[in-house]
C-alpha atoms as a PDB file:
ATOM      1  CA  MET A   1     -13.664  13.393   1.321  1.00  0.00           C
ATOM      2  CA  VAL A   2     -10.224  11.419   1.298  1.00  0.00           C
ATOM      3  CA  PRO A   3      -8.794  10.087  -1.690  1.00  0.00           C
ATOM      4  CA  SER A   4      -7.543   6.832  -1.779  1.00  0.00           C
ATOM      5  CA  LEU A   5      -3.581   6.282  -2.559  1.00  0.00           C
ATOM      6  CA  PHE A   6      -1.210   3.353  -3.333  1.00  0.00           C
ATOM      7  CA  ILE A   7       2.136   4.087  -1.624  1.00  0.00           C
ATOM      8  CA  GLY A   8       5.523   2.701  -2.170  1.00  0.00           C
ATOM      9  CA  HIS A   9       6.587   2.182   1.362  1.00  0.00           C
ATOM     10  CA  GLY A  10       9.984   1.391   0.440  1.00  0.00           C
ATOM     11  CA  SER A  11      12.853  -0.550   3.290  1.00  0.00           C
ATOM     12  CA  PRO A  12      12.134  -0.721   6.413  1.00  0.00           C
ATOM     13  CA  TYR A  13      15.616   1.920   6.708  1.00  0.00           C
ATOM     14  CA  LEU A  14      12.775   4.818   5.447  1.00  0.00           C
ATOM     15  CA  ALA A  15      11.520   4.961   9.152  1.00  0.00           C
ATOM     16  CA  VAL A  16      15.039   6.727  10.123  1.00  0.00           C
ATOM     17  CA  THR A  17      15.500   8.093   7.047  1.00  0.00           C
ATOM     18  CA  HIS A  18      15.435  11.762   5.895  1.00  0.00           C
ATOM     19  CA  ASN A  19      15.173  12.447   2.750  1.00  0.00           C
ATOM     20  CA  ASP A  20      13.223  13.770  -0.403  1.00  0.00           C
ATOM     21  CA  TYR A  21      10.507  10.906  -0.204  1.00  0.00           C
ATOM     22  CA  SER A  22      10.087  11.045   3.516  1.00  0.00           C
ATOM     23  CA  ASN A  23       9.479  15.245   3.378  1.00  0.00           C
ATOM     24  CA  PHE A  24       7.132  13.900   0.796  1.00  0.00           C
ATOM     25  CA  LEU A  25       5.654  11.261   2.865  1.00  0.00           C
ATOM     26  CA  LYS A  26       5.238  13.977   5.724  1.00  0.00           C
ATOM     27  CA  GLU A  27       3.269  16.968   3.367  1.00  0.00           C
ATOM     28  CA  LEU A  28       0.799  13.920   2.365  1.00  0.00           C
ATOM     29  CA  GLY A  29       0.230  13.374   5.473  1.00  0.00           C
ATOM     30  CA  LYS A  30       0.229  17.071   6.407  1.00  0.00           C
ATOM     31  CA  ARG A  31      -2.647  16.809   3.270  1.00  0.00           C
ATOM     32  CA  ILE A  32      -4.534  14.252   3.833  1.00  0.00           C
ATOM     33  CA  ARG A  33      -6.142  14.111   7.074  1.00  0.00           C
ATOM     34  CA  PRO A  34      -8.157  10.846   7.803  1.00  0.00           C
ATOM     35  CA  LYS A  35     -10.527   9.778  10.753  1.00  0.00           C
ATOM     36  CA  ALA A  36      -9.000   6.761  10.557  1.00  0.00           C
ATOM     37  CA  ILE A  37      -6.852   4.598   8.324  1.00  0.00           C
ATOM     38  CA  VAL A  38      -7.381   1.105   6.230  1.00  0.00           C
ATOM     39  CA  ILE A  39      -4.391  -0.578   4.862  1.00  0.00           C
ATOM     40  CA  PHE A  40      -3.598  -3.360   2.876  1.00  0.00           C
ATOM     41  CA  SER A  41       0.135  -4.627   3.353  1.00  0.00           C
ATOM     42  CA  ALA A  42       2.308  -6.473   0.910  1.00  0.00           C
ATOM     43  CA  HIS A  43       3.943  -7.651   4.159  1.00  0.00           C
ATOM     44  CA  TRP A  44       0.579  -9.838   5.226  1.00  0.00           C
ATOM     45  CA  GLU A  45      -0.245 -12.738   2.853  1.00  0.00           C
ATOM     46  CA  SER A  46      -3.414 -14.708   3.316  1.00  0.00           C
ATOM     47  CA  GLN A  47      -5.646 -16.454   1.579  1.00  0.00           C
ATOM     48  CA  THR A  48      -8.352 -15.077   3.315  1.00  0.00           C
ATOM     49  CA  LEU A  49      -9.135 -11.629   3.569  1.00  0.00           C
ATOM     50  CA  SER A  50      -7.588 -10.771   7.286  1.00  0.00           C
ATOM     51  CA  LEU A  51      -8.074  -7.766   9.330  1.00  0.00           C
ATOM     52  CA  THR A  52      -6.818  -6.312  12.422  1.00  0.00           C
ATOM     53  CA  TYR A  53      -9.592  -6.579  14.812  1.00  0.00           C
ATOM     54  CA  THR A  54      -9.347  -4.569  18.143  1.00  0.00           C
ATOM     55  CA  ASP A  55      -9.582  -1.284  20.258  1.00  0.00           C
ATOM     56  CA  ASP A  56      -6.326  -1.727  21.712  1.00  0.00           C
ATOM     57  CA  LEU A  57      -2.469  -0.616  20.731  1.00  0.00           C
ATOM     58  CA  LEU A  58      -1.339  -2.469  17.817  1.00  0.00           C
ATOM     59  CA  ASP A  59       2.172  -3.982  18.321  1.00  0.00           C
ATOM     60  CA  THR A  60       4.950  -3.028  16.224  1.00  0.00           C
ATOM     61  CA  VAL A  61       6.107  -5.738  14.355  1.00  0.00           C
ATOM     62  CA  TYR A  62       9.545  -6.472  13.537  1.00  0.00           C
ATOM     63  CA  ASP A  63       9.056  -8.380  10.313  1.00  0.00           C
ATOM     64  CA  TYR A  64      12.700  -8.093   9.042  1.00  0.00           C
ATOM     65  CA  TYR A  65      16.059  -9.852  10.222  1.00  0.00           C
ATOM     66  CA  GLY A  66      19.768  -8.708   9.943  1.00  0.00           C
ATOM     67  CA  PHE A  67      19.030  -4.607  10.786  1.00  0.00           C
ATOM     68  CA  PRO A  68      20.998  -2.399  12.990  1.00  0.00           C
ATOM     69  CA  GLU A  69      19.780  -2.893  16.796  1.00  0.00           C
ATOM     70  CA  GLU A  70      17.720   0.823  16.196  1.00  0.00           C
ATOM     71  CA  MET A  71      14.837  -0.700  14.132  1.00  0.00           C
ATOM     72  CA  TYR A  72      14.205  -3.173  16.512  1.00  0.00           C
ATOM     73  CA  GLN A  73      13.338  -0.395  18.880  1.00  0.00           C
ATOM     74  CA  ILE A  74      11.105   1.745  16.635  1.00  0.00           C
ATOM     75  CA  ASN A  75       7.498   2.160  18.257  1.00  0.00           C
ATOM     76  CA  TYR A  76       4.545   3.233  16.747  1.00  0.00           C
ATOM     77  CA  PRO A  77       1.876   2.994  19.127  1.00  0.00           C
ATOM     78  CA  ALA A  78      -1.647   3.397  16.724  1.00  0.00           C
ATOM     79  CA  LYS A  79      -4.856   2.038  18.061  1.00  0.00           C
ATOM     80  CA  GLY A  80      -7.199  -0.479  16.002  1.00  0.00           C
ATOM     81  CA  SER A  81     -10.736  -0.010  15.229  1.00  0.00           C
ATOM     82  CA  LYS A  82     -13.717  -2.634  15.941  1.00  0.00           C
ATOM     83  CA  ILE A  83     -15.788  -0.174  14.706  1.00  0.00           C
ATOM     84  CA  VAL A  84     -14.204   0.570  10.985  1.00  0.00           C
ATOM     85  CA  ALA A  85     -13.111  -3.354  10.907  1.00  0.00           C
ATOM     86  CA  LYS A  86     -16.837  -4.164  11.476  1.00  0.00           C
ATOM     87  CA  ILE A  87     -17.760  -1.897   8.575  1.00  0.00           C
ATOM     88  CA  LEU A  88     -15.181  -3.736   6.961  1.00  0.00           C
ATOM     89  CA  GLU A  89     -16.905  -6.706   7.027  1.00  0.00           C
ATOM     90  CA  GLU A  90     -20.148  -5.914   6.218  1.00  0.00           C
ATOM     91  CA  ARG A  91     -19.444  -4.014   3.236  1.00  0.00           C
ATOM     92  CA  PHE A  92     -16.710  -7.339   2.264  1.00  0.00           C
ATOM     93  CA  LYS A  93     -19.841  -9.650   2.508  1.00  0.00           C
ATOM     94  CA  LYS A  94     -22.251  -7.549   0.805  1.00  0.00           C
ATOM     95  CA  ALA A  95     -19.702  -8.398  -2.036  1.00  0.00           C
ATOM     96  CA  GLY A  96     -19.433 -11.998  -1.336  1.00  0.00           C
ATOM     97  CA  ILE A  97     -15.893 -11.978  -0.230  1.00  0.00           C
ATOM     98  CA  GLN A  98     -15.114 -13.951   3.113  1.00  0.00           C
ATOM     99  CA  THR A  99     -12.858 -11.935   5.723  1.00  0.00           C
ATOM    100  CA  ARG A 100     -11.425 -13.257   9.238  1.00  0.00           C
ATOM    101  CA  ARG A 101     -10.728 -11.339  12.453  1.00  0.00           C
ATOM    102  CA  GLU A 102      -7.241 -11.563  13.523  1.00  0.00           C
ATOM    103  CA  GLU A 103      -7.026 -10.221  16.977  1.00  0.00           C
ATOM    104  CA  VAL A 104      -3.544 -10.264  17.767  1.00  0.00           C
ATOM    105  CA  ARG A 105      -1.494  -9.515  14.965  1.00  0.00           C
ATOM    106  CA  GLY A 106       0.115  -6.142  14.924  1.00  0.00           C
ATOM    107  CA  LEU A 107       1.490  -4.035  12.298  1.00  0.00           C
ATOM    108  CA  ASP A 108       3.732  -5.178   9.782  1.00  0.00           C
ATOM    109  CA  HIS A 109       6.242  -2.408   8.103  1.00  0.00           C
ATOM    110  CA  GLY A 110       4.649  -2.216   5.394  1.00  0.00           C
ATOM    111  CA  VAL A 111       2.432   0.038   7.514  1.00  0.00           C
ATOM    112  CA  TRP A 112       4.011   1.642  10.286  1.00  0.00           C
ATOM    113  CA  VAL A 113       7.427   3.035   7.647  1.00  0.00           C
ATOM    114  CA  ALA A 114       5.163   5.391   5.684  1.00  0.00           C
ATOM    115  CA  LEU A 115       2.588   5.736   8.502  1.00  0.00           C
ATOM    116  CA  LYS A 116       5.423   7.336  11.045  1.00  0.00           C
ATOM    117  CA  HIS A 117       6.180  10.046   8.458  1.00  0.00           C
ATOM    118  CA  MET A 118       2.974  10.564   7.304  1.00  0.00           C
ATOM    119  CA  TYR A 119       1.193  10.462  10.715  1.00  0.00           C
ATOM    120  CA  PRO A 120       4.168  10.551  13.682  1.00  0.00           C
ATOM    121  CA  GLU A 121       1.838  10.759  16.383  1.00  0.00           C
ATOM    122  CA  ALA A 122       0.107   7.891  15.528  1.00  0.00           C
ATOM    123  CA  ASP A 123      -2.722   9.291  16.778  1.00  0.00           C
ATOM    124  CA  ILE A 124      -5.262   8.165  13.788  1.00  0.00           C
ATOM    125  CA  PRO A 125      -6.689   4.400  14.322  1.00  0.00           C
ATOM    126  CA  VAL A 126      -5.606   2.117  12.003  1.00  0.00           C
ATOM    127  CA  VAL A 127      -7.048  -1.233  10.637  1.00  0.00           C
ATOM    128  CA  GLU A 128      -4.491  -3.547   8.541  1.00  0.00           C
ATOM    129  CA  LEU A 129      -5.490  -5.895   5.870  1.00  0.00           C
ATOM    130  CA  SER A 130      -3.925  -8.505   4.421  1.00  0.00           C
ATOM    131  CA  VAL A 131      -3.659  -9.552   0.660  1.00  0.00           C
ATOM    132  CA  ASN A 132      -3.309 -12.672  -1.311  1.00  0.00           C
ATOM    133  CA  PRO A 133      -1.215 -12.207  -3.828  1.00  0.00           C
ATOM    134  CA  PHE A 134      -2.226 -15.149  -6.294  1.00  0.00           C
ATOM    135  CA  LEU A 135      -5.380 -13.297  -6.728  1.00  0.00           C
ATOM    136  CA  SER A 136      -5.747 -11.943 -10.694  1.00  0.00           C
ATOM    137  CA  PRO A 137      -5.604  -7.644 -11.094  1.00  0.00           C
ATOM    138  CA  LYS A 138      -9.061  -8.138 -11.913  1.00  0.00           C
ATOM    139  CA  GLU A 139     -10.009 -10.188  -8.643  1.00  0.00           C
ATOM    140  CA  GLN A 140      -8.053  -7.751  -6.589  1.00  0.00           C
ATOM    141  CA  PHE A 141     -10.101  -4.842  -7.821  1.00  0.00           C
ATOM    142  CA  HIS A 142     -12.956  -6.522  -6.851  1.00  0.00           C
ATOM    143  CA  ILE A 143     -12.003  -6.488  -3.290  1.00  0.00           C
ATOM    144  CA  GLY A 144     -10.975  -2.861  -3.119  1.00  0.00           C
ATOM    145  CA  ALA A 145     -14.546  -1.753  -5.410  1.00  0.00           C
ATOM    146  CA  ALA A 146     -16.274  -2.734  -1.821  1.00  0.00           C
ATOM    147  CA  LEU A 147     -14.607  -0.325   0.535  1.00  0.00           C
ATOM    148  CA  LYS A 148     -15.821   1.936  -3.000  1.00  0.00           C
ATOM    149  CA  GLY A 149     -16.780   5.736  -1.163  1.00  0.00           C
ATOM    150  CA  LEU A 150     -15.143   5.019   2.477  1.00  0.00           C
ATOM    151  CA  GLY A 151     -13.368   8.563   1.283  1.00  0.00           C
ATOM    152  CA  GLU A 152     -16.962  10.065   1.717  1.00  0.00           C
ATOM    153  CA  GLU A 153     -16.526   8.992   5.479  1.00  0.00           C
ATOM    154  CA  ASP A 154     -13.027  10.359   5.689  1.00  0.00           C
ATOM    155  CA  ILE A 155     -11.873   6.742   6.161  1.00  0.00           C
ATOM    156  CA  LEU A 156      -8.337   6.399   3.981  1.00  0.00           C
ATOM    157  CA  VAL A 157      -7.926   3.282   2.116  1.00  0.00           C
ATOM    158  CA  ILE A 158      -4.508   2.492   1.248  1.00  0.00           C
ATOM    159  CA  GLY A 159      -2.564  -0.113  -0.819  1.00  0.00           C
ATOM    160  CA  SER A 160       0.784  -0.441   0.599  1.00  0.00           C
ATOM    161  CA  GLY A 161       3.239  -2.174  -1.627  1.00  0.00           C
ATOM    162  CA  THR A 162       5.802  -0.899  -4.663  1.00  0.00           C
ATOM    163  CA  THR A 163       5.266  -1.475  -8.004  1.00  0.00           C
ATOM    164  CA  VAL A 164       8.667  -2.450  -9.237  1.00  0.00           C
ATOM    165  CA  HIS A 165      10.372  -4.571  -6.448  1.00  0.00           C
ATOM    166  CA  ASN A 166      12.746  -7.375  -7.303  1.00  0.00           C
ATOM    167  CA  PHE A 167      16.412  -7.574  -5.094  1.00  0.00           C
ATOM    168  CA  GLN A 168      18.122  -9.507  -7.430  1.00  0.00           C
ATOM    169  CA  TRP A 169      17.737  -5.984  -9.325  1.00  0.00           C
ATOM    170  CA  MET A 170      18.999  -3.630  -7.540  1.00  0.00           C
ATOM    171  CA  TYR A 171      22.266  -0.991  -7.824  1.00  0.00           C
ATOM    172  CA  PRO A 172      23.706  -0.064  -4.568  1.00  0.00           C
ATOM    173  CA  ASN A 173      25.473   2.806  -6.110  1.00  0.00           C
ATOM    174  CA  ALA A 174      22.822   3.940  -8.501  1.00  0.00           C
ATOM    175  CA  THR A 175      22.736   7.334  -8.572  1.00  0.00           C
ATOM    176  CA  SER A 176      19.614   7.730 -11.537  1.00  0.00           C
ATOM    177  CA  PRO A 177      16.591   5.568 -11.886  1.00  0.00           C
ATOM    178  CA  VAL A 178      17.112   2.477 -14.437  1.00  0.00           C
ATOM    179  CA  LYS A 179      15.177   2.895 -17.403  1.00  0.00           C
ATOM    180  CA  GLU A 180      13.638  -0.652 -17.715  1.00  0.00           C
ATOM    181  CA  ALA A 181      12.122   0.461 -14.202  1.00  0.00           C
ATOM    182  CA  VAL A 182      10.680   3.506 -15.388  1.00  0.00           C
ATOM    183  CA  GLU A 183       9.234   2.123 -18.185  1.00  0.00           C
ATOM    184  CA  PHE A 184       7.577  -0.359 -16.521  1.00  0.00           C
ATOM    185  CA  ASP A 185       6.269   2.395 -13.741  1.00  0.00           C
ATOM    186  CA  ASP A 186       5.111   4.691 -16.804  1.00  0.00           C
ATOM    187  CA  TRP A 187       3.518   1.876 -18.985  1.00  0.00           C
ATOM    188  CA  ILE A 188       1.445   1.056 -15.486  1.00  0.00           C
ATOM    189  CA  PHE A 189       0.297   4.530 -14.940  1.00  0.00           C
ATOM    190  CA  GLU A 190      -1.236   4.976 -18.159  1.00  0.00           C
ATOM    191  CA  GLN A 191      -3.344   2.029 -17.544  1.00  0.00           C
ATOM    192  CA  VAL A 192      -4.342   3.149 -14.084  1.00  0.00           C
ATOM    193  CA  GLN A 193      -5.069   6.904 -15.511  1.00  0.00           C
ATOM    194  CA  LYS A 194      -7.357   5.540 -18.651  1.00  0.00           C
ATOM    195  CA  GLY A 195      -8.830   3.129 -15.799  1.00  0.00           C
ATOM    196  CA  ASP A 196      -8.401  -0.195 -18.450  1.00  0.00           C
ATOM    197  CA  ILE A 197      -8.236  -2.793 -15.761  1.00  0.00           C
ATOM    198  CA  ASP A 198      -8.181  -5.527 -18.748  1.00  0.00           C
ATOM    199  CA  ALA A 199      -5.189  -3.724 -19.905  1.00  0.00           C
ATOM    200  CA  LEU A 200      -3.264  -3.888 -16.267  1.00  0.00           C
ATOM    201  CA  ASP A 201      -5.068  -7.663 -15.654  1.00  0.00           C
ATOM    202  CA  GLN A 202      -2.756  -8.831 -18.342  1.00  0.00           C
ATOM    203  CA  TYR A 203       0.364  -7.251 -17.490  1.00  0.00           C
ATOM    204  CA  ARG A 204       2.314 -10.084 -17.153  1.00  0.00           C
ATOM    205  CA  SER A 205       2.409 -10.235 -20.889  1.00  0.00           C
ATOM    206  CA  LEU A 206       2.201  -6.247 -22.111  1.00  0.00           C
ATOM    207  CA  ALA A 207       3.935  -4.212 -19.707  1.00  0.00           C
ATOM    208  CA  PRO A 208       7.299  -3.899 -20.542  1.00  0.00           C
ATOM    209  CA  ASN A 209      10.449  -5.362 -18.531  1.00  0.00           C
ATOM    210  CA  ALA A 210       7.336  -6.986 -16.101  1.00  0.00           C
ATOM    211  CA  ALA A 211       8.968 -10.095 -15.164  1.00  0.00           C
ATOM    212  CA  LEU A 212      11.750  -7.948 -13.892  1.00  0.00           C
ATOM    213  CA  ALA A 213       9.785  -5.488 -12.447  1.00  0.00           C
ATOM    214  CA  VAL A 214       7.589  -7.902 -10.815  1.00  0.00           C
ATOM    215  CA  PRO A 215       9.004 -11.578  -9.947  1.00  0.00           C
ATOM    216  CA  ARG A 216       6.379 -12.157  -7.411  1.00  0.00           C
ATOM    217  CA  PRO A 217       3.411 -10.167  -6.865  1.00  0.00           C
ATOM    218  CA  GLU A 218       2.679  -9.527  -3.346  1.00  0.00           C
ATOM    219  CA  HIS A 219       4.197  -5.848  -3.239  1.00  0.00           C
ATOM    220  CA  PHE A 220       2.335  -4.929  -6.499  1.00  0.00           C
ATOM    221  CA  VAL A 221      -1.416  -6.325  -5.848  1.00  0.00           C
ATOM    222  CA  PRO A 222      -2.226  -3.666  -3.225  1.00  0.00           C
ATOM    223  CA  LEU A 223      -2.375  -0.890  -6.516  1.00  0.00           C
ATOM    224  CA  PHE A 224      -5.500  -2.669  -7.564  1.00  0.00           C
ATOM    225  CA  ILE A 225      -6.941  -2.482  -4.450  1.00  0.00           C
ATOM    226  CA  ALA A 226      -6.352   1.307  -4.027  1.00  0.00           C
ATOM    227  CA  MET A 227      -7.735   2.260  -7.377  1.00  0.00           C
ATOM    228  CA  GLY A 228     -10.810  -0.196  -6.843  1.00  0.00           C
ATOM    229  CA  SER A 229     -11.760   1.466  -4.013  1.00  0.00           C
ATOM    230  CA  ALA A 230     -11.617   5.374  -5.475  1.00  0.00           C
ATOM    231  CA  SER A 231     -14.542   6.864  -4.335  1.00  0.00           C
ATOM    232  CA  ASP A 232     -14.936   8.665  -7.710  1.00  0.00           C
ATOM    233  CA  GLN A 233     -14.213   6.495 -10.400  1.00  0.00           C
ATOM    234  CA  THR A 234     -14.736   9.466 -12.954  1.00  0.00           C
ATOM    235  CA  THR A 235     -11.443  11.553 -11.465  1.00  0.00           C
ATOM    236  CA  LYS A 236      -8.540  10.996 -13.149  1.00  0.00           C
ATOM    237  CA  PRO A 237      -5.808   9.121 -11.025  1.00  0.00           C
ATOM    238  CA  GLN A 238      -2.986  11.567 -10.264  1.00  0.00           C
ATOM    239  CA  LYS A 239       0.882  10.315  -9.773  1.00  0.00           C
ATOM    240  CA  ILE A 240       2.097  12.587  -6.469  1.00  0.00           C
ATOM    241  CA  ASN A 241       5.946  10.686  -6.775  1.00  0.00           C
ATOM    242  CA  GLN A 242       8.102   9.076  -8.886  1.00  0.00           C
ATOM    243  CA  THR A 243      11.562   7.847  -7.238  1.00  0.00           C
ATOM    244  CA  TYR A 244      13.523   5.277  -6.910  1.00  0.00           C
ATOM    245  CA  GLU A 245      15.609   3.538  -4.424  1.00  0.00           C
ATOM    246  CA  PHE A 246      19.254   2.098  -5.649  1.00  0.00           C
ATOM    247  CA  GLY A 247      18.381   2.086  -9.317  1.00  0.00           C
ATOM    248  CA  THR A 248      14.745  -0.040 -10.003  1.00  0.00           C
ATOM    249  CA  MET A 249      13.023   0.277  -6.121  1.00  0.00           C
ATOM    250  CA  SER A 250       9.938   2.040  -7.344  1.00  0.00           C
ATOM    251  CA  ASN A 251       8.323   4.772  -4.541  1.00  0.00           C
ATOM    252  CA  MET A 252       5.489   5.292  -7.388  1.00  0.00           C
ATOM    253  CA  CYS A 253       2.633   6.566  -5.174  1.00  0.00           C
ATOM    254  CA  ILE A 254      -0.551   7.399  -6.885  1.00  0.00           C
ATOM    255  CA  GLU A 255      -3.888   9.214  -5.261  1.00  0.00           C
ATOM    256  CA  PHE A 256      -7.153   7.810  -6.411  1.00  0.00           C
END
């Protein structure tokens, strides 16, 4: 059995960076060894829930610009899995959630940046799924809940995003986290640990500094999907990492 995870995928530079956070991801991958990975990425937005559908190697997608040439030479040659994709389709169908197959799309950096450290051999099949940032936290939780129990089959569900993600609120020379960012993360995790989806559904009005932390929700909503997918809703979620880049960019990770 494996848990569900919410991970902060960091900037694309994380893929070529060796620091405390990359070491954390490396150790996380050693501890959790699934037979397949199902990952919702903040960098794939779609109104209809979409998923990669192939058994072939998935392309490494460079969904960024203006980076050094080395950032366009990275390769994460994971294969897909039609078997796992079909399992997901059936579960979503039972939950009344419409899906769409994507047979040519590869893995964006919201997926491979973290997986490159967690599973560097790229030897575990991956199915990437899209997010609709305009759905409420409760609706995101419902999407995740359709996948409840996959962990018992050793299929790892990951929500890949960032709780605090605001390019206009960053401090490149910061050596410690900004307290407003920490306050937001602390409030969010408190509600997550209590399982208070009603409070989380109203985070914009209840959470401290919410407008600063989440100017747009695409990086935030994978948290609620991961939360909903937890196989054992009676076990309290664990905060397994809380570090920051540029003072505010959160790498908070939660294990469900």
